[in-house]
N, C-alpha and C. Protein backbone atom coordinates (compact mmCIF):
# COMPACT_ATOMS: atom_id res chain seq x y z
N MET A 1 -26.22 3.05 -4.32
CA MET A 1 -27.62 3.18 -3.97
C MET A 1 -27.73 3.75 -2.56
N PRO A 2 -28.55 4.76 -2.37
CA PRO A 2 -28.72 5.33 -1.04
C PRO A 2 -29.30 4.31 -0.06
N ARG A 3 -28.84 4.38 1.17
CA ARG A 3 -29.38 3.51 2.21
C ARG A 3 -30.79 3.98 2.56
N ALA A 4 -31.55 3.11 3.21
CA ALA A 4 -32.95 3.41 3.53
C ALA A 4 -33.11 4.70 4.32
N ASN A 5 -32.18 4.98 5.23
CA ASN A 5 -32.31 6.17 6.07
C ASN A 5 -31.44 7.34 5.59
N GLU A 6 -30.83 7.20 4.42
CA GLU A 6 -29.95 8.23 3.89
C GLU A 6 -30.76 9.23 3.06
N ALA A 7 -30.43 10.50 3.23
CA ALA A 7 -31.10 11.54 2.46
C ALA A 7 -30.74 11.43 0.99
N VAL A 8 -31.69 11.75 0.14
CA VAL A 8 -31.44 11.81 -1.29
C VAL A 8 -31.83 13.21 -1.77
N PHE A 9 -31.20 13.60 -2.86
CA PHE A 9 -31.39 14.95 -3.37
C PHE A 9 -31.71 14.90 -4.86
N THR A 10 -32.54 15.82 -5.31
CA THR A 10 -32.80 15.97 -6.74
C THR A 10 -31.59 16.67 -7.36
N ILE A 11 -31.57 16.74 -8.67
CA ILE A 11 -30.46 17.41 -9.34
C ILE A 11 -30.42 18.90 -8.98
N GLY A 12 -31.58 19.51 -8.82
CA GLY A 12 -31.63 20.92 -8.43
C GLY A 12 -31.07 21.14 -7.03
N GLU A 13 -31.46 20.27 -6.10
CA GLU A 13 -30.96 20.37 -4.72
C GLU A 13 -29.46 20.11 -4.67
N ALA A 14 -29.00 19.12 -5.44
CA ALA A 14 -27.57 18.81 -5.48
C ALA A 14 -26.80 19.98 -6.05
N ALA A 15 -27.32 20.60 -7.11
CA ALA A 15 -26.65 21.74 -7.72
C ALA A 15 -26.49 22.88 -6.73
N VAL A 16 -27.52 23.14 -5.94
CA VAL A 16 -27.45 24.20 -4.93
C VAL A 16 -26.41 23.85 -3.87
N LYS A 17 -26.44 22.61 -3.36
CA LYS A 17 -25.47 22.18 -2.34
C LYS A 17 -24.04 22.29 -2.84
N LEU A 18 -23.84 22.04 -4.14
CA LEU A 18 -22.50 22.03 -4.71
C LEU A 18 -22.09 23.37 -5.32
N ASP A 19 -23.02 24.32 -5.36
CA ASP A 19 -22.79 25.62 -6.00
C ASP A 19 -22.37 25.42 -7.46
N LEU A 20 -23.14 24.58 -8.15
CA LEU A 20 -22.91 24.29 -9.56
C LEU A 20 -24.22 24.45 -10.32
N HIS A 21 -24.14 24.54 -11.62
CA HIS A 21 -25.34 24.56 -12.45
C HIS A 21 -25.78 23.11 -12.68
N GLU A 22 -27.08 22.90 -12.79
CA GLU A 22 -27.61 21.57 -13.05
C GLU A 22 -27.00 20.96 -14.31
N GLN A 23 -26.78 21.79 -15.33
CA GLN A 23 -26.23 21.29 -16.59
C GLN A 23 -24.82 20.73 -16.40
N THR A 24 -24.07 21.30 -15.47
CA THR A 24 -22.73 20.78 -15.18
C THR A 24 -22.82 19.34 -14.69
N LEU A 25 -23.77 19.08 -13.81
CA LEU A 25 -23.95 17.72 -13.30
C LEU A 25 -24.40 16.77 -14.40
N ARG A 26 -25.27 17.26 -15.28
CA ARG A 26 -25.69 16.43 -16.42
C ARG A 26 -24.51 16.12 -17.34
N ASN A 27 -23.66 17.12 -17.57
CA ASN A 27 -22.47 16.92 -18.41
C ASN A 27 -21.53 15.90 -17.79
N TRP A 28 -21.35 15.97 -16.48
CA TRP A 28 -20.48 15.01 -15.78
C TRP A 28 -21.04 13.59 -15.94
N GLU A 29 -22.36 13.46 -15.83
CA GLU A 29 -22.97 12.15 -15.99
C GLU A 29 -22.79 11.64 -17.42
N ARG A 30 -23.03 12.51 -18.40
CA ARG A 30 -22.86 12.13 -19.81
C ARG A 30 -21.43 11.71 -20.11
N ALA A 31 -20.47 12.39 -19.48
CA ALA A 31 -19.05 12.09 -19.70
C ALA A 31 -18.61 10.82 -18.96
N GLY A 32 -19.47 10.30 -18.07
CA GLY A 32 -19.15 9.08 -17.34
C GLY A 32 -18.33 9.30 -16.08
N VAL A 33 -18.23 10.56 -15.65
CA VAL A 33 -17.48 10.88 -14.43
C VAL A 33 -18.30 10.58 -13.19
N ILE A 34 -19.62 10.72 -13.29
CA ILE A 34 -20.52 10.31 -12.21
C ILE A 34 -21.57 9.37 -12.82
N ARG A 35 -22.03 8.46 -12.01
CA ARG A 35 -23.12 7.55 -12.39
C ARG A 35 -24.17 7.63 -11.31
N LEU A 36 -25.37 7.98 -11.71
CA LEU A 36 -26.43 8.21 -10.74
C LEU A 36 -27.54 7.20 -10.90
N LYS A 37 -28.24 6.98 -9.82
CA LYS A 37 -29.44 6.15 -9.85
C LYS A 37 -30.57 7.00 -10.40
N ARG A 38 -31.52 6.35 -11.04
CA ARG A 38 -32.71 7.02 -11.57
C ARG A 38 -33.92 6.53 -10.79
N PHE A 39 -34.92 7.38 -10.69
CA PHE A 39 -36.08 7.06 -9.86
C PHE A 39 -37.37 7.46 -10.58
N GLY A 40 -38.38 6.64 -10.44
CA GLY A 40 -39.71 6.96 -10.91
C GLY A 40 -39.89 6.85 -12.41
N GLY A 41 -41.11 7.14 -12.82
CA GLY A 41 -41.48 7.05 -14.23
C GLY A 41 -40.73 8.03 -15.11
N ASN A 42 -40.37 9.18 -14.56
CA ASN A 42 -39.65 10.17 -15.36
C ASN A 42 -38.13 9.98 -15.30
N ARG A 43 -37.71 8.93 -14.58
CA ARG A 43 -36.28 8.58 -14.49
C ARG A 43 -35.43 9.73 -13.94
N ALA A 44 -35.97 10.43 -12.95
CA ALA A 44 -35.26 11.56 -12.34
C ALA A 44 -33.98 11.08 -11.67
N ARG A 45 -32.94 11.87 -11.79
CA ARG A 45 -31.67 11.55 -11.14
C ARG A 45 -31.80 11.77 -9.64
N ILE A 46 -31.22 10.86 -8.86
CA ILE A 46 -31.16 11.08 -7.42
C ILE A 46 -29.71 11.03 -6.96
N PHE A 47 -29.38 11.91 -6.06
CA PHE A 47 -28.03 12.02 -5.51
C PHE A 47 -28.07 11.61 -4.05
N SER A 48 -27.19 10.70 -3.67
CA SER A 48 -27.03 10.33 -2.25
C SER A 48 -25.96 11.24 -1.65
N GLY A 49 -25.77 11.10 -0.35
CA GLY A 49 -24.70 11.85 0.31
C GLY A 49 -23.34 11.51 -0.26
N SER A 50 -23.12 10.25 -0.59
CA SER A 50 -21.83 9.87 -1.17
C SER A 50 -21.67 10.42 -2.59
N ASP A 51 -22.77 10.54 -3.33
CA ASP A 51 -22.71 11.17 -4.65
C ASP A 51 -22.30 12.64 -4.52
N ILE A 52 -22.85 13.32 -3.52
CA ILE A 52 -22.51 14.72 -3.28
C ILE A 52 -21.02 14.84 -2.95
N SER A 53 -20.52 13.96 -2.09
CA SER A 53 -19.09 13.97 -1.74
C SER A 53 -18.23 13.73 -2.97
N HIS A 54 -18.63 12.78 -3.80
CA HIS A 54 -17.89 12.48 -5.03
C HIS A 54 -17.88 13.70 -5.96
N CYS A 55 -19.02 14.38 -6.06
CA CYS A 55 -19.09 15.58 -6.90
C CYS A 55 -18.21 16.70 -6.36
N ARG A 56 -18.11 16.81 -5.05
CA ARG A 56 -17.19 17.82 -4.46
C ARG A 56 -15.75 17.51 -4.85
N TRP A 57 -15.40 16.24 -4.84
CA TRP A 57 -14.04 15.82 -5.24
C TRP A 57 -13.80 16.21 -6.70
N ILE A 58 -14.76 15.92 -7.57
CA ILE A 58 -14.64 16.26 -8.99
C ILE A 58 -14.52 17.77 -9.16
N LYS A 59 -15.37 18.51 -8.46
CA LYS A 59 -15.36 19.98 -8.56
C LYS A 59 -13.99 20.54 -8.18
N ARG A 60 -13.40 19.98 -7.14
CA ARG A 60 -12.09 20.47 -6.68
C ARG A 60 -11.04 20.29 -7.78
N PHE A 61 -11.01 19.13 -8.40
CA PHE A 61 -10.00 18.88 -9.43
C PHE A 61 -10.34 19.56 -10.74
N ALA A 62 -11.63 19.62 -11.09
CA ALA A 62 -12.03 20.32 -12.32
C ALA A 62 -11.67 21.80 -12.20
N GLY A 63 -11.78 22.35 -11.00
CA GLY A 63 -11.42 23.74 -10.76
C GLY A 63 -9.93 24.01 -10.91
N ARG A 64 -9.14 22.95 -10.90
CA ARG A 64 -7.69 23.08 -11.07
C ARG A 64 -7.28 22.85 -12.52
N GLY A 65 -8.27 22.75 -13.38
CA GLY A 65 -8.00 22.65 -14.81
C GLY A 65 -7.90 21.25 -15.36
N ILE A 66 -8.25 20.24 -14.58
CA ILE A 66 -8.20 18.87 -15.08
C ILE A 66 -9.47 18.61 -15.90
N SER A 67 -9.29 18.09 -17.11
CA SER A 67 -10.43 17.83 -17.99
C SER A 67 -11.27 16.67 -17.47
N LEU A 68 -12.47 16.54 -18.02
CA LEU A 68 -13.33 15.42 -17.64
C LEU A 68 -12.69 14.09 -18.00
N LYS A 69 -12.01 14.04 -19.14
CA LYS A 69 -11.31 12.82 -19.53
C LYS A 69 -10.21 12.50 -18.52
N GLY A 70 -9.49 13.53 -18.08
CA GLY A 70 -8.46 13.34 -17.07
C GLY A 70 -9.04 12.89 -15.74
N LEU A 71 -10.18 13.47 -15.36
CA LEU A 71 -10.85 13.07 -14.12
C LEU A 71 -11.28 11.62 -14.18
N LYS A 72 -11.81 11.22 -15.33
CA LYS A 72 -12.24 9.83 -15.49
C LYS A 72 -11.05 8.88 -15.31
N THR A 73 -9.91 9.26 -15.85
CA THR A 73 -8.70 8.46 -15.70
C THR A 73 -8.27 8.40 -14.24
N LEU A 74 -8.29 9.55 -13.55
CA LEU A 74 -7.94 9.58 -12.13
C LEU A 74 -8.85 8.68 -11.31
N ILE A 75 -10.13 8.72 -11.61
CA ILE A 75 -11.09 7.89 -10.89
C ILE A 75 -10.76 6.42 -11.08
N LYS A 76 -10.48 6.03 -12.33
CA LYS A 76 -10.13 4.63 -12.60
C LYS A 76 -8.83 4.23 -11.91
N MET A 77 -7.83 5.11 -11.97
CA MET A 77 -6.54 4.82 -11.35
C MET A 77 -6.65 4.65 -9.85
N ASN A 78 -7.50 5.44 -9.25
CA ASN A 78 -7.63 5.41 -7.79
C ASN A 78 -8.78 4.52 -7.34
N ASN A 79 -9.44 3.86 -8.32
CA ASN A 79 -10.54 2.96 -8.01
C ASN A 79 -11.58 3.63 -7.14
N ILE A 80 -11.90 4.88 -7.47
CA ILE A 80 -12.89 5.63 -6.72
C ILE A 80 -14.26 5.28 -7.28
N LYS A 81 -15.17 4.93 -6.40
CA LYS A 81 -16.52 4.60 -6.83
C LYS A 81 -17.26 5.89 -7.16
N SER A 82 -17.92 5.89 -8.29
CA SER A 82 -18.67 7.07 -8.69
C SER A 82 -20.16 6.78 -8.64
N GLY A 83 -20.77 7.23 -7.57
CA GLY A 83 -22.22 7.14 -7.45
C GLY A 83 -22.73 5.72 -7.54
N GLY A 84 -23.56 5.47 -8.54
CA GLY A 84 -24.24 4.20 -8.69
C GLY A 84 -23.36 3.07 -9.16
N ALA A 85 -22.06 3.21 -9.12
CA ALA A 85 -21.15 2.21 -9.66
C ALA A 85 -20.97 0.98 -8.78
N GLN A 86 -21.50 0.98 -7.56
CA GLN A 86 -21.27 -0.13 -6.66
C GLN A 86 -21.83 -1.41 -7.18
């Protein structure tokens, strides 16, 4: 959960910051590689700074050919917190 003074980003803003398509982030969430908080009546996804950092980590390894299933395993092995998992 973002801290009170921490910036939050919409999925569109996060996609721009990460140089990814919004659908990629949705796919990562569906695959369980990232877990995001939802906000408001429309349940919009919100990304904290730590979520952005986590997505950069995923992007780096996904770019090396590691599958989403493999990334999920790496996250579990390294006990890396993914977004809203705290």
